[in-house]
Amino acid sequence: MSRIIIFFFCFLTHSILAQTLLKPDAVFDGNDMHKNWVVLVEGNTISYAGKLSSIKLPKGTQEIELNGMTLLPGIIEGHSHLLLHPYNETSWNDQVLKESHVERSIRGAVHAKKSLMAGVTTMRDLGSEGAGYSDVYLKQSIEKNIIEGPRLLVAGPAIVATGAYGPKGFHDGVKVPLGAEEASGEDETVRTVRRQLGNGADFIKIYADYRWRAGEPSNPTFSQKEMKAMVDAAKSAGRYAVAHASTPEGMKRATLAGVETIEHGDGGTLETFKLMKEKRVALCPTLAAGDAISQYRGWKKGLQPDPERIRKKKSTFKLALQSGVTIVFGGDVGVFSHGENYKELELMVAYGMQPIDALRAATSGNSGIFHLDQLGNIKKGFLADIIAVKGNPVQNISNMEMVQFVMKDGVIVKNK
């Protein structure tokens, strides 16, 4: 019996510590591009990244040729909604009101696998949009290997000011499920933060502004004191808060309250972005969501002039780049199809960002902002979340559409 135990232990140890050498044309390590590099993975950890001539391979190393490809850290998606699907398929209102939590969770499992196959090995989900804590349960299902998907950081239901969110348009005798959890006043908002963290949220999403009535422009929702109270409650629990904000005042309040990222920022001014930079608050511009919604509303991209929404977004993104504020990669995927996360990278470049800076944002940049100390880089000691794409994405960012190889936590989940 003892010999069987020893044999099993040796077999298990060998399986865990299996060595794999990845041999692409080039390696983007999260910061710079390197020609003629190889990457050695042992177990779930990167043990070497550099020239082949500078390493002695362990006996039994498996070698994988990735000819004509560039190796990159796994993409870290900064703004997603696994429990939503494109609004041209089903409107947001109908998803919240007519699709059960069970249906939405099943969709979420499908979306998670699509994201992983597209090279997204880590994903920050910015709210369940009316599906309670289904995002928490999706995360747990991935961690238990019940379903395939990226590592998840989830916000739970998100927090809105009482009366400010939807679905709307019903008389006062009709109570409908809302897309987020309502709260008002410092005491209630703090209780809501604590309840959401206790129920499994990794961070808190706050709506700093929104449309009070359908068709109206956005206006601030929470007061400065309410915002500060929520941020402080999250920080006290060792977590952090982010803010949906698109107006200068909403962005200002969120920044001064101490959120770590501002989502959207459509109406940001140069002054606002400079304040964010000063306070070390990053911007997640979600360019792809606005692009998709404009097309859903009839814009024939490439055949018609840019609508006002797109012109404004291009202008504010240029101001953000000019200010030097840190840019988060995150497209609000779910508004558009899961697995097409690369669209945000393409638009970041089309709107004025250098391709290598966009790639940094999607890897080492997001890892730093999201406190993921062992991800986002191809370096010794980092976790082996690694992807490969055809060609060189610094020369053509659209190559990020062609993901051929995906390794998550040292396990190969895709190898065309």
Protein backbone atom coordinates (compact mmCIF):
# COMPACT_ATOMS: atom_id res chain seq x y z
CA MET A 1 0.00 0.00 0.00
CA SER A 2 2.83 2.41 0.88
CA ARG A 3 4.44 1.83 -2.55
CA ILE A 4 1.14 2.68 -4.25
CA ILE A 5 0.87 5.89 -2.24
CA ILE A 6 4.46 6.88 -3.07
CA PHE A 7 3.88 6.13 -6.78
CA PHE A 8 0.67 8.16 -6.81
CA PHE A 9 2.40 11.08 -5.08
CA CYS A 10 5.27 11.03 -7.58
CA PHE A 11 2.83 10.84 -10.49
CA LEU A 12 0.79 13.73 -9.10
CA THR A 13 3.89 15.85 -8.48
CA HIS A 14 5.14 15.21 -12.00
CA SER A 15 1.74 16.20 -13.44
CA ILE A 16 1.59 19.42 -11.46
CA LEU A 17 5.17 20.38 -12.30
CA ALA A 18 5.02 19.50 -16.00
CA GLN A 19 7.24 21.78 -18.08
CA THR A 20 6.10 23.41 -21.32
CA LEU A 21 8.30 25.53 -23.58
CA LEU A 22 6.42 27.98 -25.79
CA LYS A 23 8.31 29.02 -28.94
CA PRO A 24 6.63 31.95 -30.78
CA ASP A 25 8.06 34.48 -33.24
CA ALA A 26 7.85 37.25 -30.64
CA VAL A 27 6.82 37.86 -27.04
CA PHE A 28 4.98 40.91 -25.72
CA ASP A 29 5.74 40.68 -22.02
CA GLY A 30 3.14 43.23 -20.89
CA ASN A 31 5.42 46.20 -21.52
CA ASP A 32 7.70 45.60 -24.51
CA MET A 33 7.97 43.42 -27.59
CA HIS A 34 10.85 40.91 -27.79
CA LYS A 35 11.99 38.96 -30.83
CA ASN A 36 13.31 35.40 -30.59
CA TRP A 37 12.17 34.85 -27.01
CA VAL A 38 10.80 31.64 -25.55
CA VAL A 39 8.71 31.14 -22.43
CA LEU A 40 9.04 28.17 -20.07
CA VAL A 41 6.07 27.24 -17.91
CA GLU A 42 6.42 24.88 -14.95
CA GLY A 43 3.14 23.86 -13.40
CA ASN A 44 1.05 27.04 -13.34
CA THR A 45 3.98 29.45 -13.16
CA ILE A 46 6.26 31.14 -15.68
CA SER A 47 9.80 30.08 -14.79
CA TYR A 48 11.66 31.74 -17.65
CA ALA A 49 11.14 34.30 -20.42
CA GLY A 50 14.05 35.20 -22.68
CA LYS A 51 16.47 33.87 -25.28
CA LEU A 52 16.52 30.10 -25.80
CA SER A 53 20.32 30.15 -25.69
CA SER A 54 20.25 31.36 -22.08
CA ILE A 55 18.31 28.47 -20.59
CA LYS A 56 18.96 24.78 -19.99
CA LEU A 57 15.69 22.96 -20.46
CA PRO A 58 14.57 20.49 -17.80
CA LYS A 59 14.38 16.88 -18.91
CA GLY A 60 11.01 15.95 -20.38
CA THR A 61 10.04 19.51 -21.37
CA GLN A 62 7.19 19.62 -23.89
CA GLU A 63 7.89 22.09 -26.71
CA ILE A 64 5.09 23.91 -28.54
CA GLU A 65 5.95 25.69 -31.78
CA LEU A 66 3.92 28.86 -32.32
CA ASN A 67 5.27 29.86 -35.71
CA GLY A 68 4.13 33.20 -37.07
CA MET A 69 2.58 34.15 -33.72
CA THR A 70 3.09 36.64 -30.92
CA LEU A 71 2.82 35.52 -27.31
CA LEU A 72 1.12 37.88 -24.83
CA PRO A 73 -0.14 37.83 -21.25
CA GLY A 74 -3.76 36.78 -21.03
CA ILE A 75 -6.06 39.74 -21.67
CA ILE A 76 -7.58 41.36 -18.59
CA GLU A 77 -11.04 42.69 -19.49
CA GLY A 78 -11.85 45.73 -17.35
CA HIS A 79 -15.57 46.26 -17.95
CA SER A 80 -17.92 43.42 -18.82
CA HIS A 81 -21.42 42.12 -18.12
CA LEU A 82 -21.50 38.35 -18.44
CA LEU A 83 -25.22 38.33 -17.66
CA LEU A 84 -26.15 40.61 -20.57
CA HIS A 85 -26.24 39.94 -24.29
CA PRO A 86 -26.39 42.44 -27.18
CA TYR A 87 -29.30 44.88 -27.06
CA ASN A 88 -30.11 44.34 -30.75
CA GLU A 89 -31.03 40.77 -29.76
CA THR A 90 -33.10 41.68 -26.69
CA SER A 91 -33.51 45.14 -25.15
CA TRP A 92 -31.98 45.81 -21.75
CA ASN A 93 -35.45 46.28 -20.23
CA ASP A 94 -36.63 42.90 -21.51
CA GLN A 95 -33.49 41.14 -20.32
CA VAL A 96 -34.07 42.49 -16.81
CA LEU A 97 -37.84 41.95 -16.78
CA LYS A 98 -38.43 38.82 -18.89
CA GLU A 99 -35.33 36.63 -18.67
CA SER A 100 -35.09 34.55 -15.49
CA HIS A 101 -31.95 34.49 -13.37
CA VAL A 102 -31.53 30.86 -14.43
CA GLU A 103 -31.63 31.70 -18.14
CA ARG A 104 -29.28 34.62 -17.64
CA SER A 105 -26.84 32.47 -15.67
CA ILE A 106 -26.83 29.82 -18.41
CA ARG A 107 -26.13 32.56 -20.93
CA GLY A 108 -23.40 33.84 -18.60
CA ALA A 109 -21.69 30.45 -18.62
CA VAL A 110 -21.70 30.44 -22.42
CA HIS A 111 -20.38 34.02 -22.47
CA ALA A 112 -17.59 33.14 -20.04
CA LYS A 113 -16.28 30.37 -22.29
CA LYS A 114 -16.47 32.60 -25.38
CA SER A 115 -14.42 35.22 -23.55
CA LEU A 116 -11.79 32.69 -22.52
CA MET A 117 -11.48 31.35 -26.06
CA ALA A 118 -10.98 34.95 -27.24
CA GLY A 119 -7.94 35.28 -24.99
CA VAL A 120 -9.56 36.91 -21.95
CA THR A 121 -8.15 35.04 -18.96
CA THR A 122 -9.28 37.57 -16.33
CA MET A 123 -12.47 39.62 -16.36
CA ARG A 124 -13.91 42.35 -14.17
CA ASP A 125 -17.72 42.12 -14.24
CA LEU A 126 -19.35 45.49 -13.52
CA GLY A 127 -22.73 44.45 -12.19
CA SER A 128 -25.34 41.73 -12.61
CA GLU A 129 -27.94 44.20 -14.01
CA GLY A 130 -30.93 42.86 -12.14
CA ALA A 131 -29.74 39.26 -11.73
CA GLY A 132 -28.87 39.53 -8.03
CA TYR A 133 -25.65 37.74 -7.16
CA SER A 134 -25.61 35.49 -10.22
CA ASP A 135 -22.19 36.92 -11.12
CA VAL A 136 -20.84 35.73 -7.77
CA TYR A 137 -22.16 32.22 -8.47
CA LEU A 138 -20.66 32.24 -11.98
CA LYS A 139 -17.31 33.12 -10.44
CA GLN A 140 -17.62 30.27 -7.94
CA SER A 141 -18.62 27.83 -10.70
CA ILE A 142 -15.48 28.71 -12.67
CA GLU A 143 -13.29 28.35 -9.57
CA LYS A 144 -14.80 24.89 -8.93
CA ASN A 145 -14.12 23.88 -12.57
CA ILE A 146 -17.82 23.32 -13.20
CA ILE A 147 -17.68 25.65 -16.22
CA GLU A 148 -14.86 27.16 -18.26
CA GLY A 149 -14.18 30.86 -18.08
CA PRO A 150 -11.80 33.63 -17.07
CA ARG A 151 -10.83 34.49 -13.52
CA LEU A 152 -13.60 36.82 -12.37
CA LEU A 153 -13.76 39.94 -10.24
CA VAL A 154 -17.43 40.75 -9.66
CA ALA A 155 -19.42 43.73 -8.41
CA GLY A 156 -22.70 42.01 -7.49
CA PRO A 157 -25.85 44.11 -7.99
CA ALA A 158 -24.18 47.60 -7.99
CA ILE A 159 -25.65 50.57 -6.09
CA VAL A 160 -27.91 53.33 -7.45
CA ALA A 161 -29.58 56.31 -5.82
CA THR A 162 -33.25 55.72 -5.02
CA GLY A 163 -35.42 56.51 -8.04
CA ALA A 164 -32.53 56.95 -10.46
CA TYR A 165 -32.35 53.61 -12.29
CA GLY A 166 -34.58 51.44 -14.45
CA PRO A 167 -36.54 49.80 -15.84
CA LYS A 168 -38.85 52.82 -15.69
CA GLY A 169 -42.20 53.88 -17.12
CA PHE A 170 -44.63 52.08 -14.79
CA HIS A 171 -47.22 53.67 -12.51
CA ASP A 172 -46.49 53.77 -8.79
CA GLY A 173 -48.56 50.67 -8.05
CA VAL A 174 -46.33 48.45 -10.16
CA LYS A 175 -43.13 47.15 -8.62
CA VAL A 176 -40.57 45.83 -11.09
CA PRO A 177 -37.11 44.32 -10.65
CA LEU A 178 -34.41 46.96 -10.96
CA GLY A 179 -31.05 46.72 -12.68
CA ALA A 180 -29.22 47.60 -9.44
CA GLU A 181 -29.83 48.00 -5.70
CA GLU A 182 -31.30 51.31 -4.52
CA ALA A 183 -30.03 53.20 -1.49
CA SER A 184 -30.15 56.72 -0.05
CA GLY A 185 -28.45 58.55 2.82
CA GLU A 186 -25.11 57.77 4.39
CA ASP A 187 -26.37 55.08 6.78
CA GLU A 188 -28.34 53.14 4.17
CA THR A 189 -25.66 53.37 1.50
CA VAL A 190 -23.03 52.06 3.93
CA ARG A 191 -25.30 49.17 4.93
CA THR A 192 -25.76 48.36 1.25
CA VAL A 193 -22.01 48.32 0.62
CA ARG A 194 -21.45 45.99 3.55
CA ARG A 195 -24.29 43.68 2.54
CA GLN A 196 -22.98 43.38 -1.02
CA LEU A 197 -19.44 42.67 0.14
CA GLY A 198 -20.76 40.10 2.57
CA ASN A 199 -22.66 38.41 -0.24
CA GLY A 200 -19.52 37.98 -2.31
CA ALA A 201 -18.90 41.19 -4.27
CA ASP A 202 -15.16 41.76 -4.86
CA PHE A 203 -15.61 45.51 -5.24
CA ILE A 204 -18.44 48.04 -5.22
CA LYS A 205 -19.90 49.74 -8.28
CA ILE A 206 -21.63 53.07 -7.65
CA TYR A 207 -23.75 55.01 -10.13
CA ALA A 208 -22.52 58.58 -9.64
CA ASP A 209 -24.94 59.91 -12.23
CA TYR A 210 -27.79 58.67 -14.39
CA ARG A 211 -30.93 59.70 -16.26
CA TRP A 212 -33.66 60.50 -13.74
CA ARG A 213 -36.28 60.19 -16.48
CA ALA A 214 -36.22 58.47 -19.87
CA GLY A 215 -34.87 60.71 -22.58
CA GLU A 216 -33.27 63.17 -20.19
CA PRO A 217 -29.53 63.80 -20.02
CA SER A 218 -27.67 62.29 -17.08
CA ASN A 219 -27.38 64.20 -13.83
CA PRO A 220 -25.56 63.49 -10.56
CA THR A 221 -27.30 61.09 -8.19
CA PHE A 222 -25.47 60.54 -4.89
CA SER A 223 -24.23 63.49 -2.87
CA GLN A 224 -20.54 63.95 -2.17
CA LYS A 225 -21.04 62.71 1.41
CA GLU A 226 -22.94 59.60 0.29
CA MET A 227 -20.23 58.78 -2.25
CA LYS A 228 -17.46 59.24 0.31
CA ALA A 229 -19.28 57.09 2.86
CA MET A 230 -19.60 54.19 0.37
CA VAL A 231 -15.98 54.40 -0.74
CA ASP A 232 -14.76 54.51 2.86
CA ALA A 233 -16.92 51.51 3.78
CA ALA A 234 -15.45 49.51 0.89
CA LYS A 235 -11.88 50.49 1.76
CA SER A 236 -12.44 49.66 5.43
CA ALA A 237 -13.33 46.12 4.31
CA GLY A 238 -10.14 45.84 2.24
CA ARG A 239 -11.99 46.36 -1.03
CA TYR A 240 -12.47 49.30 -3.38
CA ALA A 241 -15.18 51.16 -5.29
CA VAL A 242 -15.63 52.21 -8.91
CA ALA A 243 -18.12 54.64 -10.39
CA HIS A 244 -20.33 54.79 -13.44
CA ALA A 245 -20.03 58.47 -14.32
CA SER A 246 -20.51 60.44 -17.53
CA THR A 247 -21.08 64.04 -16.38
CA PRO A 248 -18.30 66.38 -15.22
CA GLU A 249 -19.95 66.80 -11.81
CA GLY A 250 -20.56 63.08 -11.32
CA MET A 251 -16.97 62.33 -12.32
CA LYS A 252 -15.68 65.03 -9.98
CA ARG A 253 -17.69 63.74 -6.99
CA ALA A 254 -16.57 60.17 -7.63
CA THR A 255 -12.93 61.21 -7.99
CA LEU A 256 -12.93 63.26 -4.79
CA ALA A 257 -14.71 60.41 -2.98
CA GLY A 258 -11.78 58.12 -3.77
CA VAL A 259 -13.06 55.60 -6.32
CA GLU A 260 -10.33 53.72 -8.20
CA THR A 261 -11.82 53.82 -11.70
CA ILE A 262 -14.46 55.84 -13.51
CA GLU A 263 -16.47 53.97 -16.10
CA HIS A 264 -17.50 55.65 -19.38
CA GLY A 265 -16.60 59.31 -18.75
CA ASP A 266 -18.45 60.43 -21.87
CA GLY A 267 -18.74 64.06 -20.80
CA GLY A 268 -15.29 64.38 -19.30
CA THR A 269 -13.42 67.64 -19.69
CA LEU A 270 -9.68 68.25 -19.72
CA GLU A 271 -10.01 69.69 -16.22
CA THR A 272 -11.87 66.56 -15.03
CA PHE A 273 -9.29 64.21 -16.50
CA LYS A 274 -6.44 66.20 -14.97
CA LEU A 275 -8.15 65.93 -11.57
CA MET A 276 -8.46 62.17 -12.06
CA LYS A 277 -4.77 61.94 -12.92
CA GLU A 278 -3.86 63.96 -9.84
CA LYS A 279 -5.96 61.69 -7.59
CA ARG A 280 -4.74 58.53 -9.37
CA VAL A 281 -8.18 57.58 -10.63
CA ALA A 282 -8.16 55.64 -13.92
CA LEU A 283 -10.61 55.99 -16.82
CA CYS A 284 -12.37 53.05 -18.47
CA PRO A 285 -13.81 54.68 -21.61
CA THR A 286 -15.92 51.75 -22.94
CA LEU A 287 -15.58 52.92 -26.54
CA ALA A 288 -16.99 49.74 -28.06
CA ALA A 289 -20.32 50.04 -26.22
CA GLY A 290 -21.05 53.47 -27.68
CA ASP A 291 -20.01 52.25 -31.11
CA ALA A 292 -22.35 49.25 -30.87
CA ILE A 293 -25.35 51.21 -29.55
CA SER A 294 -24.97 53.79 -32.31
CA GLN A 295 -25.11 50.99 -34.87
CA TYR A 296 -28.15 49.45 -33.18
CA ARG A 297 -29.86 52.83 -33.60
CA GLY A 298 -29.30 52.83 -37.33
CA TRP A 299 -25.81 54.25 -37.90
CA LYS A 300 -24.21 52.56 -40.91
CA LYS A 301 -20.59 52.67 -39.83
CA GLY A 302 -18.21 53.42 -42.67
CA LEU A 303 -21.05 54.49 -44.95
CA GLN A 304 -22.45 57.42 -42.98
CA PRO A 305 -20.83 60.29 -41.07
CA ASP A 306 -20.19 59.74 -37.36
CA PRO A 307 -23.26 60.50 -35.21
CA GLU A 308 -22.96 63.05 -32.42
CA ARG A 309 -22.39 60.35 -29.79
CA ILE A 310 -19.35 59.01 -31.65
CA ARG A 311 -17.93 62.47 -32.41
CA LYS A 312 -18.19 63.38 -28.75
CA LYS A 313 -16.60 60.12 -27.63
CA LYS A 314 -13.65 60.59 -29.95
CA SER A 315 -13.19 64.13 -28.65
CA THR A 316 -13.31 63.19 -24.96
CA PHE A 317 -10.96 60.23 -25.48
CA LYS A 318 -8.42 62.56 -27.10
CA LEU A 319 -8.73 64.88 -24.10
CA ALA A 320 -8.15 61.92 -21.79
CA LEU A 321 -5.01 60.93 -23.70
CA GLN A 322 -3.84 64.55 -23.64
CA SER A 323 -4.31 64.75 -19.87
CA GLY A 324 -2.20 61.66 -19.18
CA VAL A 325 -4.91 59.97 -17.10
CA THR A 326 -4.43 56.19 -16.86
CA ILE A 327 -6.59 54.32 -19.38
CA VAL A 328 -8.29 51.04 -18.49
CA PHE A 329 -9.04 48.50 -21.21
CA GLY A 330 -12.71 47.59 -20.92
CA GLY A 331 -15.37 47.70 -23.62
CA ASP A 332 -18.63 47.05 -21.73
CA VAL A 333 -18.87 43.70 -23.50
CA GLY A 334 -22.38 42.32 -23.14
CA VAL A 335 -23.70 45.43 -24.82
CA PHE A 336 -21.99 43.83 -27.82
CA SER A 337 -21.14 40.16 -28.32
CA HIS A 338 -19.01 38.28 -25.82
CA GLY A 339 -15.83 37.01 -27.39
CA GLU A 340 -15.45 40.21 -29.41
CA ASN A 341 -13.53 42.02 -26.66
CA TYR A 342 -10.86 42.94 -29.22
CA LYS A 343 -13.21 45.63 -30.60
CA GLU A 344 -12.28 47.90 -27.71
CA LEU A 345 -8.57 47.58 -28.55
CA GLU A 346 -9.27 48.41 -32.18
CA LEU A 347 -11.25 51.52 -31.24
CA MET A 348 -8.66 52.67 -28.69
CA VAL A 349 -6.14 52.69 -31.53
CA ALA A 350 -8.57 54.21 -34.06
CA TYR A 351 -9.33 57.03 -31.60
CA GLY A 352 -5.68 57.93 -31.12
CA MET A 353 -3.90 55.50 -28.77
CA GLN A 354 -0.68 53.78 -29.84
CA PRO A 355 -1.13 50.01 -30.33
CA ILE A 356 1.55 49.09 -27.80
CA ASP A 357 -0.07 51.37 -25.20
CA ALA A 358 -3.44 49.72 -25.82
CA LEU A 359 -1.84 46.30 -25.30
CA ARG A 360 -0.19 47.52 -22.10
CA ALA A 361 -3.57 48.75 -20.86
CA ALA A 362 -5.12 45.32 -21.51
CA THR A 363 -2.37 43.44 -19.68
CA SER A 364 0.12 44.95 -17.22
CA GLY A 365 -1.90 48.17 -16.91
CA ASN A 366 -5.12 46.50 -15.82
CA SER A 367 -3.25 44.06 -13.58
CA GLY A 368 -1.77 46.97 -11.64
CA ILE A 369 -5.03 48.91 -11.38
CA PHE A 370 -6.99 45.83 -10.29
CA HIS A 371 -4.39 44.69 -7.70
CA LEU A 372 -3.55 41.48 -9.60
CA ASP A 373 0.09 41.18 -8.59
CA GLN A 374 0.80 37.86 -10.38
CA LEU A 375 -0.96 38.55 -13.66
CA GLY A 376 -0.62 40.78 -16.72
CA ASN A 377 3.08 40.14 -17.36
CA ILE A 378 5.19 37.40 -18.90
CA LYS A 379 7.93 37.30 -16.28
CA LYS A 380 9.51 34.74 -14.02
CA GLY A 381 7.30 33.98 -11.04
CA PHE A 382 4.06 35.21 -12.63
CA LEU A 383 1.07 32.94 -13.14
CA ALA A 384 0.94 31.28 -16.55
CA ASP A 385 -1.99 33.08 -18.15
CA ILE A 386 -0.65 33.30 -21.71
CA ILE A 387 -2.17 33.68 -25.17
CA ALA A 388 -0.86 33.71 -28.74
CA VAL A 389 -2.22 35.59 -31.74
CA LYS A 390 -1.34 35.46 -35.41
CA GLY A 391 1.18 38.03 -36.59
CA ASN A 392 2.26 41.13 -34.68
CA PRO A 393 -0.55 43.12 -32.98
CA VAL A 394 1.71 46.15 -32.52
CA GLN A 395 1.88 46.42 -36.30
CA ASN A 396 -1.82 45.61 -36.72
CA ILE A 397 -4.03 45.69 -33.63
CA SER A 398 -6.74 43.73 -35.50
CA ASN A 399 -4.52 40.65 -35.12
CA MET A 400 -5.99 40.46 -31.62
CA GLU A 401 -9.06 38.98 -33.31
CA MET A 402 -7.02 35.89 -34.23
CA VAL A 403 -6.30 34.16 -30.92
CA GLN A 404 -4.79 30.75 -31.64
CA PHE A 405 -3.56 29.63 -28.22
CA VAL A 406 -4.85 30.17 -24.69
CA MET A 407 -3.27 28.97 -21.46
CA LYS A 408 -4.92 29.79 -18.15
CA ASP A 409 -3.18 29.00 -14.88
CA GLY A 410 -0.76 26.73 -16.72
CA VAL A 411 -3.51 24.69 -18.42
CA ILE A 412 -3.86 24.84 -22.21
CA VAL A 413 -7.53 25.44 -23.02
CA LYS A 414 -7.10 26.31 -26.72
CA ASN A 415 -4.42 25.34 -29.24
CA LYS A 416 -5.45 25.61 -32.89
